[in-house]
Amino acid sequence: MAVPKRKTTKSKRNMRRAHDALSVENHVEDSHTGEAKRRHHIDLKTGTYKGKQIIEGRA
């Protein structure tokens, strides 16, 4: 069985765990409806993206 030769320092352990943090989704207020929506995503309620109609919205 493999056994570590040296103790892993707190610094190295925490550097390894740096990618495990949960990311926060960035929401902005929609200029037309005033509802919160994700940036750089199509608004599924209206079907618009950057002011252009992309798909039919869910009415």
PDB file of N, CA and C in Angstrom:
ATOM      1  N   MET A   1       0.835  -1.181   0.000  1.00  0.00           N
ATOM      2  CA  MET A   1       0.000   0.000   0.000  1.00  0.00           C
ATOM      3  C   MET A   1       0.880   1.246   0.000  1.00  0.00           C
ATOM      4  N   ALA A   2       0.515   2.238  -0.813  1.00  0.00           N
ATOM      5  CA  ALA A   2       1.303   3.463  -0.904  1.00  0.00           C
ATOM      6  C   ALA A   2       1.062   4.348   0.310  1.00  0.00           C
ATOM      7  N   VAL A   3       2.167   4.841   0.860  1.00  0.00           N
ATOM      8  CA  VAL A   3       2.100   5.714   2.032  1.00  0.00           C
ATOM      9  C   VAL A   3       2.855   6.994   1.701  1.00  0.00           C
ATOM     10  N   PRO A   4       2.276   8.172   1.984  1.00  0.00           N
ATOM     11  CA  PRO A   4       2.969   9.422   1.689  1.00  0.00           C
ATOM     12  C   PRO A   4       4.261   9.540   2.502  1.00  0.00           C
ATOM     13  N   LYS A   5       5.311  10.025   1.844  1.00  0.00           N
ATOM     14  CA  LYS A   5       6.599  10.175   2.519  1.00  0.00           C
ATOM     15  C   LYS A   5       6.570  11.370   3.462  1.00  0.00           C
ATOM     16  N   ARG A   6       5.854  12.430   3.090  1.00  0.00           N
ATOM     17  CA  ARG A   6       5.768  13.632   3.904  1.00  0.00           C
ATOM     18  C   ARG A   6       4.306  14.042   4.106  1.00  0.00           C
ATOM     19  N   LYS A   7       4.058  14.765   5.178  1.00  0.00           N
ATOM     20  CA  LYS A   7       2.720  15.274   5.452  1.00  0.00           C
ATOM     21  C   LYS A   7       2.378  16.362   4.438  1.00  0.00           C
ATOM     22  N   THR A   8       1.163  16.334   3.927  1.00  0.00           N
ATOM     23  CA  THR A   8       0.702  17.383   3.023  1.00  0.00           C
ATOM     24  C   THR A   8       0.411  18.625   3.838  1.00  0.00           C
ATOM     25  N   THR A   9       1.026  19.735   3.452  1.00  0.00           N
ATOM     26  CA  THR A   9       0.862  20.975   4.217  1.00  0.00           C
ATOM     27  C   THR A   9      -0.542  21.542   4.012  1.00  0.00           C
ATOM     28  N   LYS A  10      -0.946  22.413   4.926  1.00  0.00           N
ATOM     29  CA  LYS A  10      -2.262  23.051   4.824  1.00  0.00           C
ATOM     30  C   LYS A  10      -2.352  23.861   3.541  1.00  0.00           C
ATOM     31  N   SER A  11      -1.250  24.481   3.152  1.00  0.00           N
ATOM     32  CA  SER A  11      -1.233  25.297   1.943  1.00  0.00           C
ATOM     33  C   SER A  11      -1.499  24.443   0.705  1.00  0.00           C
ATOM     34  N   LYS A  12      -0.787  23.329   0.564  1.00  0.00           N
ATOM     35  CA  LYS A  12      -0.975  22.463  -0.602  1.00  0.00           C
ATOM     36  C   LYS A  12      -2.361  21.838  -0.606  1.00  0.00           C
ATOM     37  N   ARG A  13      -2.845  21.440   0.570  1.00  0.00           N
ATOM     38  CA  ARG A  13      -4.184  20.858   0.677  1.00  0.00           C
ATOM     39  C   ARG A  13      -5.239  21.872   0.239  1.00  0.00           C
ATOM     40  N   ASN A  14      -5.107  23.114   0.699  1.00  0.00           N
ATOM     41  CA  ASN A  14      -6.098  24.135   0.363  1.00  0.00           C
ATOM     42  C   ASN A  14      -6.001  24.556  -1.100  1.00  0.00           C
ATOM     43  N   MET A  15      -4.788  24.525  -1.669  1.00  0.00           N
ATOM     44  CA  MET A  15      -4.650  24.835  -3.092  1.00  0.00           C
ATOM     45  C   MET A  15      -5.354  23.778  -3.938  1.00  0.00           C
ATOM     46  N   ARG A  16      -5.293  22.533  -3.528  1.00  0.00           N
ATOM     47  CA  ARG A  16      -5.954  21.448  -4.246  1.00  0.00           C
ATOM     48  C   ARG A  16      -7.469  21.596  -4.163  1.00  0.00           C
ATOM     49  N   ARG A  17      -7.953  22.082  -3.044  1.00  0.00           N
ATOM     50  CA  ARG A  17      -9.395  22.219  -2.829  1.00  0.00           C
ATOM     51  C   ARG A  17      -9.960  23.525  -3.377  1.00  0.00           C
ATOM     52  N   ALA A  18      -9.126  24.371  -3.947  1.00  0.00           N
ATOM     53  CA  ALA A  18      -9.569  25.682  -4.423  1.00  0.00           C
ATOM     54  C   ALA A  18     -10.619  25.557  -5.518  1.00  0.00           C
ATOM     55  N   HIS A  19     -10.604  24.470  -6.294  1.00  0.00           N
ATOM     56  CA  HIS A  19     -11.541  24.308  -7.395  1.00  0.00           C
ATOM     57  C   HIS A  19     -12.854  23.675  -6.949  1.00  0.00           C
ATOM     58  N   ASP A  20     -12.976  23.292  -5.692  1.00  0.00           N
ATOM     59  CA  ASP A  20     -14.174  22.621  -5.211  1.00  0.00           C
ATOM     60  C   ASP A  20     -15.279  23.582  -4.784  1.00  0.00           C
ATOM     61  N   ALA A  21     -14.982  24.883  -4.758  1.00  0.00           N
ATOM     62  CA  ALA A  21     -15.968  25.854  -4.300  1.00  0.00           C
ATOM     63  C   ALA A  21     -17.129  25.934  -5.283  1.00  0.00           C
ATOM     64  N   LEU A  22     -18.332  26.172  -4.778  1.00  0.00           N
ATOM     65  CA  LEU A  22     -19.504  26.320  -5.630  1.00  0.00           C
ATOM     66  C   LEU A  22     -19.483  27.697  -6.283  1.00  0.00           C
ATOM     67  N   SER A  23     -19.793  27.745  -7.556  1.00  0.00           N
ATOM     68  CA  SER A  23     -19.814  29.024  -8.252  1.00  0.00           C
ATOM     69  C   SER A  23     -21.192  29.655  -8.096  1.00  0.00           C
ATOM     70  N   VAL A  24     -21.210  30.977  -8.038  1.00  0.00           N
ATOM     71  CA  VAL A  24     -22.450  31.719  -7.884  1.00  0.00           C
ATOM     72  C   VAL A  24     -22.933  32.131  -9.263  1.00  0.00           C
ATOM     73  N   GLU A  25     -24.200  31.847  -9.568  1.00  0.00           N
ATOM     74  CA  GLU A  25     -24.755  32.263 -10.848  1.00  0.00           C
ATOM     75  C   GLU A  25     -25.012  33.757 -10.815  1.00  0.00           C
ATOM     76  N   ASN A  26     -24.689  34.404 -11.916  1.00  0.00           N
ATOM     77  CA  ASN A  26     -24.821  35.846 -12.002  1.00  0.00           C
ATOM     78  C   ASN A  26     -26.162  36.199 -12.630  1.00  0.00           C
ATOM     79  N   HIS A  27     -27.040  36.835 -11.869  1.00  0.00           N
ATOM     80  CA  HIS A  27     -28.359  37.219 -12.358  1.00  0.00           C
ATOM     81  C   HIS A  27     -28.420  38.736 -12.521  1.00  0.00           C
ATOM     82  N   VAL A  28     -29.093  39.171 -13.556  1.00  0.00           N
ATOM     83  CA  VAL A  28     -29.323  40.591 -13.785  1.00  0.00           C
ATOM     84  C   VAL A  28     -30.815  40.813 -14.012  1.00  0.00           C
ATOM     85  N   GLU A  29     -31.248  42.049 -13.861  1.00  0.00           N
ATOM     86  CA  GLU A  29     -32.658  42.370 -14.059  1.00  0.00           C
ATOM     87  C   GLU A  29     -32.909  42.587 -15.552  1.00  0.00           C
ATOM     88  N   ASP A  30     -33.911  41.924 -16.084  1.00  0.00           N
ATOM     89  CA  ASP A  30     -34.264  42.073 -17.490  1.00  0.00           C
ATOM     90  C   ASP A  30     -34.838  43.468 -17.713  1.00  0.00           C
ATOM     91  N   SER A  31     -34.390  44.141 -18.776  1.00  0.00           N
ATOM     92  CA  SER A  31     -34.815  45.519 -19.013  1.00  0.00           C
ATOM     93  C   SER A  31     -36.281  45.623 -19.431  1.00  0.00           C
ATOM     94  N   HIS A  32     -36.828  44.557 -20.032  1.00  0.00           N
ATOM     95  CA  HIS A  32     -38.216  44.613 -20.489  1.00  0.00           C
ATOM     96  C   HIS A  32     -39.198  44.112 -19.436  1.00  0.00           C
ATOM     97  N   THR A  33     -38.919  42.961 -18.846  1.00  0.00           N
ATOM     98  CA  THR A  33     -39.873  42.375 -17.897  1.00  0.00           C
ATOM     99  C   THR A  33     -39.547  42.706 -16.448  1.00  0.00           C
ATOM    100  N   GLY A  34     -38.303  43.065 -16.148  1.00  0.00           N
ATOM    101  CA  GLY A  34     -37.915  43.379 -14.779  1.00  0.00           C
ATOM    102  C   GLY A  34     -37.614  42.157 -13.938  1.00  0.00           C
ATOM    103  N   GLU A  35     -37.677  40.970 -14.540  1.00  0.00           N
ATOM    104  CA  GLU A  35     -37.395  39.743 -13.805  1.00  0.00           C
ATOM    105  C   GLU A  35     -35.909  39.425 -13.842  1.00  0.00           C
ATOM    106  N   ALA A  36     -35.460  38.616 -12.891  1.00  0.00           N
ATOM    107  CA  ALA A  36     -34.066  38.204 -12.853  1.00  0.00           C
ATOM    108  C   ALA A  36     -33.821  37.153 -13.930  1.00  0.00           C
ATOM    109  N   LYS A  37     -32.709  37.313 -14.660  1.00  0.00           N
ATOM    110  CA  LYS A  37     -32.341  36.332 -15.675  1.00  0.00           C
ATOM    111  C   LYS A  37     -30.832  36.174 -15.662  1.00  0.00           C
ATOM    112  N   ARG A  38     -30.363  35.022 -16.201  1.00  0.00           N
ATOM    113  CA  ARG A  38     -28.932  34.777 -16.248  1.00  0.00           C
ATOM    114  C   ARG A  38     -28.313  35.551 -17.394  1.00  0.00           C
ATOM    115  N   ARG A  39     -27.108  36.063 -17.164  1.00  0.00           N
ATOM    116  CA  ARG A  39     -26.407  36.792 -18.215  1.00  0.00           C
ATOM    117  C   ARG A  39     -26.025  35.855 -19.350  1.00  0.00           C
ATOM    118  N   HIS A  40     -26.025  36.375 -20.570  1.00  0.00           N
ATOM    119  CA  HIS A  40     -25.598  35.661 -21.773  1.00  0.00           C
ATOM    120  C   HIS A  40     -26.421  34.398 -22.023  1.00  0.00           C
ATOM    121  N   HIS A  41     -27.686  34.406 -21.613  1.00  0.00           N
ATOM    122  CA  HIS A  41     -28.584  33.283 -21.864  1.00  0.00           C
ATOM    123  C   HIS A  41     -29.890  33.825 -22.435  1.00  0.00           C
ATOM    124  N   ILE A  42     -30.549  33.014 -23.222  1.00  0.00           N
ATOM    125  CA  ILE A  42     -31.842  33.397 -23.784  1.00  0.00           C
ATOM    126  C   ILE A  42     -32.871  33.450 -22.662  1.00  0.00           C
ATOM    127  N   ASP A  43     -33.686  34.491 -22.656  1.00  0.00           N
ATOM    128  CA  ASP A  43     -34.788  34.588 -21.704  1.00  0.00           C
ATOM    129  C   ASP A  43     -35.895  33.672 -22.209  1.00  0.00           C
ATOM    130  N   LEU A  44     -36.121  32.552 -21.526  1.00  0.00           N
ATOM    131  CA  LEU A  44     -37.074  31.559 -22.001  1.00  0.00           C
ATOM    132  C   LEU A  44     -38.516  32.047 -21.938  1.00  0.00           C
ATOM    133  N   LYS A  45     -38.804  32.992 -21.059  1.00  0.00           N
ATOM    134  CA  LYS A  45     -40.181  33.472 -20.951  1.00  0.00           C
ATOM    135  C   LYS A  45     -40.583  34.279 -22.185  1.00  0.00           C
ATOM    136  N   THR A  46     -39.678  35.137 -22.651  1.00  0.00           N
ATOM    137  CA  THR A  46     -39.993  35.963 -23.822  1.00  0.00           C
ATOM    138  C   THR A  46     -39.350  35.442 -25.097  1.00  0.00           C
ATOM    139  N   GLY A  47     -38.298  34.630 -24.986  1.00  0.00           N
ATOM    140  CA  GLY A  47     -37.619  34.085 -26.156  1.00  0.00           C
ATOM    141  C   GLY A  47     -36.669  35.057 -26.812  1.00  0.00           C
ATOM    142  N   THR A  48     -36.211  36.068 -26.070  1.00  0.00           N
ATOM    143  CA  THR A  48     -35.330  37.080 -26.644  1.00  0.00           C
ATOM    144  C   THR A  48     -33.915  36.957 -26.109  1.00  0.00           C
ATOM    145  N   TYR A  49     -32.975  37.460 -26.926  1.00  0.00           N
ATOM    146  CA  TYR A  49     -31.573  37.538 -26.523  1.00  0.00           C
ATOM    147  C   TYR A  49     -31.003  38.803 -27.140  1.00  0.00           C
ATOM    148  N   LYS A  50     -30.473  39.682 -26.308  1.00  0.00           N
ATOM    149  CA  LYS A  50     -29.939  40.980 -26.744  1.00  0.00           C
ATOM    150  C   LYS A  50     -30.979  41.777 -27.522  1.00  0.00           C
ATOM    151  N   GLY A  51     -32.229  41.688 -27.098  1.00  0.00           N
ATOM    152  CA  GLY A  51     -33.291  42.460 -27.726  1.00  0.00           C
ATOM    153  C   GLY A  51     -33.841  41.877 -29.010  1.00  0.00           C
ATOM    154  N   LYS A  52     -33.334  40.731 -29.450  1.00  0.00           N
ATOM    155  CA  LYS A  52     -33.808  40.107 -30.677  1.00  0.00           C
ATOM    156  C   LYS A  52     -34.612  38.852 -30.347  1.00  0.00           C
ATOM    157  N   GLN A  53     -35.677  38.635 -31.097  1.00  0.00           N
ATOM    158  CA  GLN A  53     -36.514  37.438 -30.895  1.00  0.00           C
ATOM    159  C   GLN A  53     -35.778  36.228 -31.480  1.00  0.00           C
ATOM    160  N   ILE A  54     -35.448  35.267 -30.643  1.00  0.00           N
ATOM    161  CA  ILE A  54     -34.708  34.092 -31.070  1.00  0.00           C
ATOM    162  C   ILE A  54     -35.647  32.882 -31.210  1.00  0.00           C
ATOM    163  N   ILE A  55     -36.428  32.624 -30.176  1.00  0.00           N
ATOM    164  CA  ILE A  55     -37.376  31.509 -30.182  1.00  0.00           C
ATOM    165  C   ILE A  55     -38.727  32.027 -29.717  1.00  0.00           C
ATOM    166  N   GLU A  56     -39.752  31.212 -29.904  1.00  0.00           N
ATOM    167  CA  GLU A  56     -41.070  31.582 -29.385  1.00  0.00           C
ATOM    168  C   GLU A  56     -41.060  31.447 -27.877  1.00  0.00           C
ATOM    169  N   GLY A  57     -41.548  32.452 -27.175  1.00  0.00           N
ATOM    170  CA  GLY A  57     -41.581  32.414 -25.721  1.00  0.00           C
ATOM    171  C   GLY A  57     -42.679  31.527 -25.187  1.00  0.00           C
ATOM    172  N   ARG A  58     -42.519  31.160 -23.921  1.00  0.00           N
ATOM    173  CA  ARG A  58     -43.546  30.363 -23.229  1.00  0.00           C
ATOM    174  C   ARG A  58     -44.547  31.305 -22.599  1.00  0.00           C
ATOM    175  N   ALA A  59     -45.636  31.547 -23.203  1.00  0.00           N
ATOM    176  CA  ALA A  59     -46.610  32.505 -22.695  1.00  0.00           C
ATOM    177  C   ALA A  59     -47.363  31.985 -21.529  1.00  0.00           C
TER     178      ALA A  59
END
